[in-house]
Amino acid sequence: MLKGNPAVLHFLYAENVLDPTVWETHIRPHRAQLLSQKSATQYLGFADSQRMRLTGERGMGKHGQRLDLIEKYGYDTKFAMHYIRLLYECRELLRDHHLTLPRPERDELIAIRTGKHTQDEMFALGRELKSECESLLAASTLPEVPDKVALSRILSDAYLAHWRAKGIAT
């Protein structure tokens, strides 16, 4: 959370959690105060990484580009889908200070993943979304970084509530 990792932010907005009682009462009510510009910067960085892997500028990923997708669609549609998803999430974070899961653009993301868009169309959308995100970031009212003291308090309270519920702490 302190690093602004997008995968961690997903947990703040996910509905299917392991301990919904503690989650709903001790974590989710505070999620807005844990958002920061740093998360948006991380989203932009991860999106750029996906784009660079798609183009071959930055390696080809853990197992290389997916040759089956390239053969079928002309480009690695999985990298493309993640690239666009990350930009949509970044835009929502900056614009609405919220993340919607599952993604409202899921039909469009599935269309990208299944090769319904050309690589050029996908890159044009990515440039448009990135530009919008950069403008939103420049004007953002979110704090630059998460509040470390608030995060520590929120997590401590959640752990104590969980342990009390399990009879481990008093």
N, C-alpha and C. Protein backbone atom coordinates (compact mmCIF):
# COMPACT_ATOMS: atom_id res chain seq x y z
N MET A 1 0.83 -1.18 0.00
CA MET A 1 0.00 0.00 0.00
C MET A 1 0.87 1.25 0.00
N LEU A 2 1.93 1.24 0.79
CA LEU A 2 2.80 2.40 0.85
C LEU A 2 3.53 2.65 -0.46
N LYS A 3 3.77 1.59 -1.21
CA LYS A 3 4.42 1.74 -2.51
C LYS A 3 3.44 2.11 -3.61
N GLY A 4 2.15 2.04 -3.31
CA GLY A 4 1.13 2.36 -4.30
C GLY A 4 0.84 1.25 -5.27
N ASN A 5 1.10 0.02 -4.88
CA ASN A 5 0.94 -1.12 -5.77
C ASN A 5 -0.53 -1.33 -6.18
N PRO A 6 -0.81 -1.32 -7.49
CA PRO A 6 -2.18 -1.53 -7.95
C PRO A 6 -2.81 -2.84 -7.50
N ALA A 7 -2.06 -3.91 -7.42
CA ALA A 7 -2.61 -5.19 -6.99
C ALA A 7 -3.10 -5.11 -5.54
N VAL A 8 -2.40 -4.35 -4.71
CA VAL A 8 -2.81 -4.19 -3.32
C VAL A 8 -4.09 -3.36 -3.25
N LEU A 9 -4.18 -2.33 -4.10
CA LEU A 9 -5.40 -1.50 -4.11
C LEU A 9 -6.63 -2.33 -4.44
N HIS A 10 -6.48 -3.33 -5.28
CA HIS A 10 -7.62 -4.17 -5.63
C HIS A 10 -8.27 -4.78 -4.39
N PHE A 11 -7.46 -5.12 -3.40
CA PHE A 11 -8.01 -5.72 -2.18
C PHE A 11 -8.93 -4.75 -1.43
N LEU A 12 -8.70 -3.44 -1.58
CA LEU A 12 -9.55 -2.46 -0.91
C LEU A 12 -10.95 -2.40 -1.54
N TYR A 13 -11.05 -2.85 -2.78
CA TYR A 13 -12.32 -2.73 -3.50
C TYR A 13 -12.92 -4.08 -3.87
N ALA A 14 -12.26 -5.16 -3.53
CA ALA A 14 -12.76 -6.50 -3.82
C ALA A 14 -13.91 -6.84 -2.89
N GLU A 15 -14.89 -7.53 -3.41
CA GLU A 15 -16.05 -7.92 -2.61
C GLU A 15 -15.88 -9.29 -1.97
N ASN A 16 -15.05 -10.13 -2.53
CA ASN A 16 -14.92 -11.51 -2.05
C ASN A 16 -13.67 -11.65 -1.18
N VAL A 17 -13.79 -11.27 0.08
CA VAL A 17 -12.65 -11.32 0.99
C VAL A 17 -12.80 -12.49 1.96
N LEU A 18 -11.68 -12.87 2.56
CA LEU A 18 -11.68 -14.04 3.43
C LEU A 18 -12.42 -13.81 4.74
N ASP A 19 -12.27 -12.64 5.34
CA ASP A 19 -12.93 -12.35 6.62
C ASP A 19 -13.76 -11.09 6.44
N PRO A 20 -14.97 -11.24 5.89
CA PRO A 20 -15.75 -10.05 5.55
C PRO A 20 -16.10 -9.17 6.74
N THR A 21 -16.24 -9.75 7.92
CA THR A 21 -16.61 -8.94 9.07
C THR A 21 -15.53 -7.91 9.39
N VAL A 22 -14.33 -8.35 9.61
CA VAL A 22 -13.23 -7.44 9.91
C VAL A 22 -12.94 -6.55 8.71
N TRP A 23 -12.97 -7.12 7.54
CA TRP A 23 -12.70 -6.36 6.32
C TRP A 23 -13.69 -5.20 6.17
N GLU A 24 -14.97 -5.53 6.30
CA GLU A 24 -16.01 -4.52 6.11
C GLU A 24 -16.01 -3.46 7.21
N THR A 25 -15.66 -3.83 8.41
CA THR A 25 -15.74 -2.87 9.52
C THR A 25 -14.43 -2.13 9.80
N HIS A 26 -13.29 -2.72 9.42
CA HIS A 26 -12.02 -2.10 9.81
C HIS A 26 -11.11 -1.68 8.65
N ILE A 27 -11.36 -2.16 7.46
CA ILE A 27 -10.49 -1.81 6.33
C ILE A 27 -11.25 -0.95 5.31
N ARG A 28 -12.30 -1.49 4.75
CA ARG A 28 -13.00 -0.79 3.66
C ARG A 28 -13.49 0.61 4.01
N PRO A 29 -13.95 0.87 5.22
CA PRO A 29 -14.40 2.23 5.52
C PRO A 29 -13.28 3.28 5.40
N HIS A 30 -12.04 2.84 5.43
CA HIS A 30 -10.90 3.76 5.42
C HIS A 30 -10.17 3.80 4.07
N ARG A 31 -10.68 3.08 3.10
CA ARG A 31 -9.92 2.94 1.85
C ARG A 31 -9.64 4.27 1.15
N ALA A 32 -10.56 5.20 1.22
CA ALA A 32 -10.35 6.48 0.53
C ALA A 32 -9.13 7.22 1.08
N GLN A 33 -8.88 7.11 2.38
CA GLN A 33 -7.75 7.81 2.94
C GLN A 33 -6.41 7.09 2.67
N LEU A 34 -6.48 5.93 2.07
CA LEU A 34 -5.25 5.20 1.74
C LEU A 34 -4.82 5.42 0.29
N LEU A 35 -5.65 6.08 -0.50
CA LEU A 35 -5.31 6.35 -1.89
C LEU A 35 -4.31 7.50 -1.97
N SER A 36 -3.49 7.48 -3.03
CA SER A 36 -2.50 8.55 -3.18
C SER A 36 -2.09 8.69 -4.64
N GLN A 37 -1.43 9.79 -4.91
CA GLN A 37 -0.88 10.02 -6.24
C GLN A 37 0.18 8.96 -6.57
N LYS A 38 0.84 8.45 -5.55
CA LYS A 38 1.86 7.42 -5.78
C LYS A 38 1.24 6.19 -6.44
N SER A 39 0.02 5.84 -6.05
CA SER A 39 -0.65 4.72 -6.70
C SER A 39 -0.88 5.00 -8.17
N ALA A 40 -1.31 6.22 -8.50
CA ALA A 40 -1.52 6.57 -9.90
C ALA A 40 -0.21 6.49 -10.67
N THR A 41 0.87 6.93 -10.06
CA THR A 41 2.19 6.85 -10.72
C THR A 41 2.57 5.39 -10.96
N GLN A 42 2.27 4.53 -10.00
CA GLN A 42 2.55 3.10 -10.16
C GLN A 42 1.71 2.51 -11.29
N TYR A 43 0.43 2.88 -11.34
CA TYR A 43 -0.42 2.41 -12.44
C TYR A 43 0.17 2.80 -13.78
N LEU A 44 0.58 4.06 -13.91
CA LEU A 44 1.15 4.52 -15.18
C LEU A 44 2.43 3.75 -15.50
N GLY A 45 3.23 3.48 -14.49
CA GLY A 45 4.46 2.72 -14.70
C GLY A 45 4.19 1.29 -15.13
N PHE A 46 3.24 0.64 -14.46
CA PHE A 46 2.89 -0.74 -14.83
C PHE A 46 2.29 -0.79 -16.23
N ALA A 47 1.44 0.19 -16.55
CA ALA A 47 0.85 0.24 -17.89
C ALA A 47 1.94 0.41 -18.94
N ASP A 48 2.88 1.29 -18.67
CA ASP A 48 3.97 1.51 -19.62
C ASP A 48 4.81 0.25 -19.78
N SER A 49 5.00 -0.47 -18.69
CA SER A 49 5.75 -1.73 -18.74
C SER A 49 5.04 -2.74 -19.64
N GLN A 50 3.71 -2.83 -19.52
CA GLN A 50 2.95 -3.75 -20.37
C GLN A 50 3.07 -3.34 -21.84
N ARG A 51 2.98 -2.02 -22.09
CA ARG A 51 3.12 -1.53 -23.46
C ARG A 51 4.50 -1.87 -24.02
N MET A 52 5.53 -1.66 -23.21
CA MET A 52 6.89 -1.93 -23.66
C MET A 52 7.13 -3.42 -23.89
N ARG A 53 6.51 -4.26 -23.11
CA ARG A 53 6.63 -5.70 -23.34
C ARG A 53 5.89 -6.09 -24.61
N LEU A 54 4.79 -5.43 -24.84
CA LEU A 54 4.01 -5.68 -26.05
C LEU A 54 4.81 -5.33 -27.31
N THR A 55 5.54 -4.23 -27.23
CA THR A 55 6.32 -3.78 -28.39
C THR A 55 7.71 -4.43 -28.45
N GLY A 56 8.11 -5.10 -27.37
CA GLY A 56 9.43 -5.71 -27.34
C GLY A 56 10.50 -4.78 -26.82
N GLU A 57 10.13 -3.56 -26.40
CA GLU A 57 11.10 -2.59 -25.87
C GLU A 57 11.70 -3.03 -24.54
N ARG A 58 10.97 -3.85 -23.80
CA ARG A 58 11.40 -4.23 -22.46
C ARG A 58 11.22 -5.73 -22.25
N GLY A 59 11.91 -6.51 -23.00
CA GLY A 59 11.78 -7.95 -22.84
C GLY A 59 10.40 -8.41 -23.26
N MET A 60 10.17 -9.64 -23.09
CA MET A 60 8.91 -10.21 -23.54
C MET A 60 8.13 -10.86 -22.41
N GLY A 61 8.41 -10.49 -21.20
CA GLY A 61 7.67 -11.08 -20.10
C GLY A 61 8.34 -12.33 -19.57
N LYS A 62 7.74 -12.89 -18.57
CA LYS A 62 8.28 -14.05 -17.88
C LYS A 62 8.53 -15.23 -18.81
N HIS A 63 7.62 -15.48 -19.69
CA HIS A 63 7.75 -16.63 -20.59
C HIS A 63 7.82 -16.21 -22.06
N GLY A 64 8.12 -14.94 -22.29
CA GLY A 64 8.15 -14.46 -23.66
C GLY A 64 6.77 -14.10 -24.14
N GLN A 65 6.72 -13.44 -25.26
CA GLN A 65 5.41 -13.11 -25.82
C GLN A 65 4.69 -14.40 -26.17
N ARG A 66 3.42 -14.31 -26.18
CA ARG A 66 2.60 -15.48 -26.46
C ARG A 66 2.48 -15.64 -27.97
N LEU A 67 3.29 -16.52 -28.51
CA LEU A 67 3.36 -16.68 -29.96
C LEU A 67 2.02 -17.11 -30.56
N ASP A 68 1.25 -17.87 -29.80
CA ASP A 68 -0.06 -18.28 -30.30
C ASP A 68 -0.98 -17.07 -30.51
N LEU A 69 -0.93 -16.11 -29.58
CA LEU A 69 -1.74 -14.90 -29.73
C LEU A 69 -1.24 -14.03 -30.88
N ILE A 70 0.07 -13.92 -30.99
CA ILE A 70 0.66 -13.12 -32.06
C ILE A 70 0.29 -13.72 -33.42
N GLU A 71 0.36 -15.04 -33.52
CA GLU A 71 0.01 -15.71 -34.77
C GLU A 71 -1.48 -15.51 -35.10
N LYS A 72 -2.32 -15.59 -34.08
CA LYS A 72 -3.76 -15.51 -34.29
C LYS A 72 -4.24 -14.08 -34.54
N TYR A 73 -3.70 -13.10 -33.76
CA TYR A 73 -4.22 -11.74 -33.81
C TYR A 73 -3.24 -10.70 -34.34
N GLY A 74 -1.98 -11.07 -34.46
CA GLY A 74 -0.98 -10.13 -34.95
C GLY A 74 -0.22 -9.42 -33.84
N TYR A 75 -0.65 -9.60 -32.60
CA TYR A 75 0.04 -9.03 -31.45
C TYR A 75 -0.41 -9.77 -30.19
N ASP A 76 0.32 -9.57 -29.11
CA ASP A 76 0.01 -10.24 -27.85
C ASP A 76 -1.15 -9.51 -27.17
N THR A 77 -2.33 -10.03 -27.36
CA THR A 77 -3.54 -9.36 -26.88
C THR A 77 -3.65 -9.37 -25.35
N LYS A 78 -2.97 -10.29 -24.69
CA LYS A 78 -3.04 -10.30 -23.22
C LYS A 78 -2.26 -9.12 -22.65
N PHE A 79 -1.05 -8.85 -23.17
CA PHE A 79 -0.32 -7.66 -22.75
C PHE A 79 -1.15 -6.41 -23.05
N ALA A 80 -1.77 -6.39 -24.23
CA ALA A 80 -2.56 -5.23 -24.64
C ALA A 80 -3.74 -5.00 -23.69
N MET A 81 -4.42 -6.05 -23.33
CA MET A 81 -5.57 -5.92 -22.43
C MET A 81 -5.14 -5.37 -21.07
N HIS A 82 -4.04 -5.89 -20.53
CA HIS A 82 -3.57 -5.40 -19.23
C HIS A 82 -3.11 -3.95 -19.31
N TYR A 83 -2.47 -3.58 -20.41
CA TYR A 83 -2.05 -2.21 -20.64
C TYR A 83 -3.25 -1.27 -20.54
N ILE A 84 -4.31 -1.57 -21.25
CA ILE A 84 -5.49 -0.72 -21.27
C ILE A 84 -6.23 -0.78 -19.93
N ARG A 85 -6.33 -1.96 -19.32
CA ARG A 85 -7.01 -2.08 -18.02
C ARG A 85 -6.34 -1.21 -16.97
N LEU A 86 -5.02 -1.24 -16.92
CA LEU A 86 -4.29 -0.44 -15.94
C LEU A 86 -4.55 1.05 -16.13
N LEU A 87 -4.64 1.48 -17.37
CA LEU A 87 -4.91 2.90 -17.64
C LEU A 87 -6.34 3.27 -17.25
N TYR A 88 -7.30 2.39 -17.52
CA TYR A 88 -8.67 2.65 -17.08
C TYR A 88 -8.73 2.74 -15.56
N GLU A 89 -8.05 1.85 -14.87
CA GLU A 89 -8.07 1.88 -13.41
C GLU A 89 -7.41 3.15 -12.89
N CYS A 90 -6.31 3.55 -13.51
CA CYS A 90 -5.62 4.77 -13.10
C CYS A 90 -6.54 5.97 -13.27
N ARG A 91 -7.22 6.04 -14.39
CA ARG A 91 -8.14 7.15 -14.64
C ARG A 91 -9.24 7.21 -13.58
N GLU A 92 -9.82 6.06 -13.27
CA GLU A 92 -10.88 6.04 -12.26
C GLU A 92 -10.35 6.43 -10.89
N LEU A 93 -9.18 5.94 -10.53
CA LEU A 93 -8.58 6.28 -9.25
C LEU A 93 -8.40 7.80 -9.14
N LEU A 94 -7.86 8.41 -10.18
CA LEU A 94 -7.61 9.85 -10.15
C LEU A 94 -8.89 10.68 -10.27
N ARG A 95 -9.80 10.24 -11.09
CA ARG A 95 -11.03 11.00 -11.34
C ARG A 95 -12.05 10.84 -10.21
N ASP A 96 -12.24 9.60 -9.75
CA ASP A 96 -13.32 9.30 -8.80
C ASP A 96 -12.84 8.93 -7.40
N HIS A 97 -11.52 8.77 -7.24
CA HIS A 97 -10.94 8.33 -5.97
C HIS A 97 -11.59 7.02 -5.52
N HIS A 98 -11.71 6.12 -6.46
CA HIS A 98 -12.40 4.85 -6.24
C HIS A 98 -11.97 3.88 -7.34
N LEU A 99 -12.12 2.59 -7.10
CA LEU A 99 -11.92 1.57 -8.13
C LEU A 99 -13.16 0.68 -8.17
N THR A 100 -13.65 0.42 -9.35
CA THR A 100 -14.81 -0.45 -9.51
C THR A 100 -14.34 -1.81 -9.98
N LEU A 101 -14.70 -2.83 -9.20
CA LEU A 101 -14.38 -4.21 -9.57
C LEU A 101 -15.66 -5.02 -9.51
N PRO A 102 -15.96 -5.84 -10.48
CA PRO A 102 -15.22 -5.99 -11.72
C PRO A 102 -15.27 -4.70 -12.55
N ARG A 103 -14.38 -4.59 -13.50
CA ARG A 103 -14.22 -3.38 -14.29
C ARG A 103 -15.45 -3.09 -15.15
N PRO A 104 -15.89 -1.83 -15.16
CA PRO A 104 -17.03 -1.47 -16.01
C PRO A 104 -16.72 -1.64 -17.50
N GLU A 105 -15.44 -1.58 -17.86
CA GLU A 105 -15.03 -1.72 -19.27
C GLU A 105 -14.74 -3.17 -19.63
N ARG A 106 -15.20 -4.11 -18.83
CA ARG A 106 -14.81 -5.50 -19.04
C ARG A 106 -15.14 -6.01 -20.44
N ASP A 107 -16.25 -5.56 -21.02
CA ASP A 107 -16.58 -6.01 -22.38
C ASP A 107 -15.53 -5.52 -23.38
N GLU A 108 -15.12 -4.27 -23.21
CA GLU A 108 -14.07 -3.74 -24.09
C GLU A 108 -12.74 -4.45 -23.85
N LEU A 109 -12.42 -4.73 -22.60
CA LEU A 109 -11.17 -5.43 -22.28
C LEU A 109 -11.19 -6.84 -22.85
N ILE A 110 -12.31 -7.51 -22.78
CA ILE A 110 -12.44 -8.85 -23.37
C ILE A 110 -12.30 -8.75 -24.88
N ALA A 111 -12.86 -7.70 -25.47
CA ALA A 111 -12.73 -7.52 -26.92
C ALA A 111 -11.26 -7.33 -27.31
N ILE A 112 -10.51 -6.59 -26.51
CA ILE A 112 -9.06 -6.44 -26.77
C ILE A 112 -8.38 -7.79 -26.63
N ARG A 113 -8.68 -8.50 -25.55
CA ARG A 113 -8.04 -9.79 -25.27
C ARG A 113 -8.33 -10.82 -26.36
N THR A 114 -9.50 -10.71 -26.98
CA THR A 114 -9.88 -11.68 -28.00
C THR A 114 -9.65 -11.15 -29.43
N GLY A 115 -8.81 -10.12 -29.54
CA GLY A 115 -8.37 -9.66 -30.84
C GLY A 115 -9.38 -8.91 -31.68
N LYS A 116 -10.40 -8.33 -31.05
CA LYS A 116 -11.42 -7.60 -31.80
C LYS A 116 -10.95 -6.20 -32.23
N HIS A 117 -9.83 -5.75 -31.68
CA HIS A 117 -9.25 -4.45 -32.04
C HIS A 117 -7.87 -4.68 -32.64
N THR A 118 -7.51 -3.81 -33.55
CA THR A 118 -6.16 -3.90 -34.10
C THR A 118 -5.17 -3.36 -33.07
N GLN A 119 -3.93 -3.69 -33.27
CA GLN A 119 -2.89 -3.18 -32.38
C GLN A 119 -2.84 -1.66 -32.46
N ASP A 120 -3.00 -1.08 -33.64
CA ASP A 120 -2.99 0.38 -33.78
C ASP A 120 -4.14 1.02 -33.01
N GLU A 121 -5.32 0.42 -33.07
CA GLU A 121 -6.47 0.94 -32.32
C GLU A 121 -6.20 0.89 -30.82
N MET A 122 -5.60 -0.19 -30.38
CA MET A 122 -5.30 -0.36 -28.97
C MET A 122 -4.26 0.67 -28.52
N PHE A 123 -3.23 0.91 -29.34
CA PHE A 123 -2.21 1.90 -28.99
C PHE A 123 -2.80 3.31 -28.97
N ALA A 124 -3.70 3.61 -29.89
CA ALA A 124 -4.35 4.93 -29.92
C ALA A 124 -5.16 5.14 -28.64
N LEU A 125 -5.92 4.13 -28.23
CA LEU A 125 -6.69 4.21 -26.99
C LEU A 125 -5.75 4.38 -25.81
N GLY A 126 -4.66 3.64 -25.80
CA GLY A 126 -3.69 3.75 -24.71
C GLY A 126 -3.09 5.15 -24.62
N ARG A 127 -2.74 5.75 -25.74
CA ARG A 127 -2.19 7.11 -25.73
C ARG A 127 -3.22 8.11 -25.19
N GLU A 128 -4.47 7.95 -25.59
CA GLU A 128 -5.54 8.83 -25.13
C GLU A 128 -5.75 8.70 -23.62
N LEU A 129 -5.82 7.47 -23.14
CA LEU A 129 -6.01 7.24 -21.71
C LEU A 129 -4.82 7.73 -20.89
N LYS A 130 -3.62 7.48 -21.37
CA LYS A 130 -2.42 7.92 -20.65
C LYS A 130 -2.39 9.44 -20.55
N SER A 131 -2.71 10.12 -21.64
CA SER A 131 -2.73 11.58 -21.63
C SER A 131 -3.76 12.09 -20.62
N GLU A 132 -4.93 11.48 -20.61
CA GLU A 132 -5.97 11.87 -19.66
C GLU A 132 -5.50 11.63 -18.22
N CYS A 133 -4.86 10.49 -17.98
CA CYS A 133 -4.36 10.18 -16.64
C CYS A 133 -3.29 11.18 -16.20
N GLU A 134 -2.41 11.54 -17.10
CA GLU A 134 -1.35 12.50 -16.76
C GLU A 134 -1.94 13.86 -16.42
N SER A 135 -2.98 14.28 -17.13
CA SER A 135 -3.66 15.55 -16.82
C SER A 135 -4.35 15.47 -15.47
N LEU A 136 -5.03 14.37 -15.21
CA LEU A 136 -5.70 14.18 -13.93
C LEU A 136 -4.69 14.14 -12.78
N LEU A 137 -3.56 13.50 -13.00
CA LEU A 137 -2.53 13.42 -11.96
C LEU A 137 -1.97 14.81 -11.65
N ALA A 138 -1.74 15.60 -12.68
CA ALA A 138 -1.20 16.95 -12.48
C ALA A 138 -2.14 17.82 -11.65
N ALA A 139 -3.44 17.56 -11.73
CA ALA A 139 -4.43 18.36 -11.00
C ALA A 139 -4.98 17.64 -9.77
N SER A 140 -4.42 16.50 -9.44
CA SER A 140 -4.99 15.65 -8.39
C SER A 140 -4.95 16.30 -7.01
N THR A 141 -6.02 16.04 -6.26
CA THR A 141 -6.09 16.48 -4.86
C THR A 141 -5.71 15.35 -3.91
N LEU A 142 -5.40 14.18 -4.45
CA LEU A 142 -4.95 13.07 -3.60
C LEU A 142 -3.61 13.44 -2.97
N PRO A 143 -3.33 12.92 -1.77
CA PRO A 143 -2.00 13.16 -1.19
C PRO A 143 -0.93 12.51 -2.06
N GLU A 144 0.27 13.03 -2.00
CA GLU A 144 1.35 12.47 -2.82
C GLU A 144 1.64 11.02 -2.47
N VAL A 145 1.63 10.71 -1.17
CA VAL A 145 1.90 9.35 -0.70
C VAL A 145 0.85 8.97 0.34
N PRO A 146 0.65 7.65 0.55
CA PRO A 146 -0.31 7.24 1.59
C PRO A 146 0.15 7.70 2.97
N ASP A 147 -0.80 7.88 3.86
CA ASP A 147 -0.52 8.26 5.24
C ASP A 147 -0.07 7.01 6.00
N LYS A 148 1.22 6.92 6.26
CA LYS A 148 1.80 5.74 6.90
C LYS A 148 1.24 5.51 8.31
N VAL A 149 1.04 6.59 9.05
CA VAL A 149 0.51 6.47 10.41
C VAL A 149 -0.93 5.95 10.36
N ALA A 150 -1.74 6.50 9.46
CA ALA A 150 -3.13 6.04 9.33
C ALA A 150 -3.17 4.57 8.90
N LEU A 151 -2.34 4.20 7.94
CA LEU A 151 -2.30 2.81 7.48
C LEU A 151 -1.93 1.88 8.64
N SER A 152 -0.93 2.24 9.41
CA SER A 152 -0.52 1.41 10.55
C SER A 152 -1.64 1.27 11.56
N ARG A 153 -2.35 2.37 11.85
CA ARG A 153 -3.46 2.32 12.80
C ARG A 153 -4.59 1.44 12.27
N ILE A 154 -4.95 1.62 11.01
CA ILE A 154 -6.03 0.84 10.40
C ILE A 154 -5.71 -0.65 10.44
N LEU A 155 -4.50 -1.00 10.06
CA LEU A 155 -4.11 -2.42 10.06
C LEU A 155 -4.04 -2.99 11.47
N SER A 156 -3.50 -2.23 12.41
CA SER A 156 -3.43 -2.69 13.80
C SER A 156 -4.82 -2.95 14.36
N ASP A 157 -5.73 -2.01 14.12
CA ASP A 157 -7.11 -2.18 14.59
C ASP A 157 -7.75 -3.42 13.97
N ALA A 158 -7.51 -3.64 12.68
CA ALA A 158 -8.08 -4.79 11.99
C ALA A 158 -7.53 -6.10 12.56
N TYR A 159 -6.20 -6.16 12.76
CA TYR A 159 -5.61 -7.36 13.34
C TYR A 159 -6.19 -7.64 14.73
N LEU A 160 -6.26 -6.61 15.56
CA LEU A 160 -6.78 -6.80 16.92
C LEU A 160 -8.24 -7.27 16.88
N ALA A 161 -9.05 -6.70 16.01
CA ALA A 161 -10.45 -7.13 15.90
C ALA A 161 -10.54 -8.58 15.45
N HIS A 162 -9.70 -8.96 14.50
CA HIS A 162 -9.70 -10.35 14.01
C HIS A 162 -9.29 -11.30 15.15
N TRP A 163 -8.21 -10.96 15.85
CA TRP A 163 -7.74 -11.81 16.93
C TRP A 163 -8.76 -11.90 18.06
N ARG A 164 -9.43 -10.79 18.35
CA ARG A 164 -10.47 -10.83 19.39
C ARG A 164 -11.61 -11.75 18.97
N ALA A 165 -12.01 -11.65 17.73
CA ALA A 165 -13.10 -12.48 17.22
C ALA A 165 -12.75 -13.96 17.28
N LYS A 166 -11.46 -14.28 17.15
CA LYS A 166 -11.00 -15.67 17.21
C LYS A 166 -10.63 -16.10 18.63
N GLY A 167 -10.76 -15.17 19.61
CA GLY A 167 -10.44 -15.48 21.00
C GLY A 167 -8.95 -15.53 21.26
N ILE A 168 -8.14 -14.93 20.38
CA ILE A 168 -6.69 -14.94 20.54
C ILE A 168 -6.21 -13.75 21.35
N ALA A 169 -6.92 -12.63 21.27
CA ALA A 169 -6.53 -11.42 22.01
C ALA A 169 -7.74 -10.91 22.78
N THR A 170 -7.45 -10.11 23.78
CA THR A 170 -8.54 -9.52 24.57
C THR A 170 -8.51 -8.02 24.47
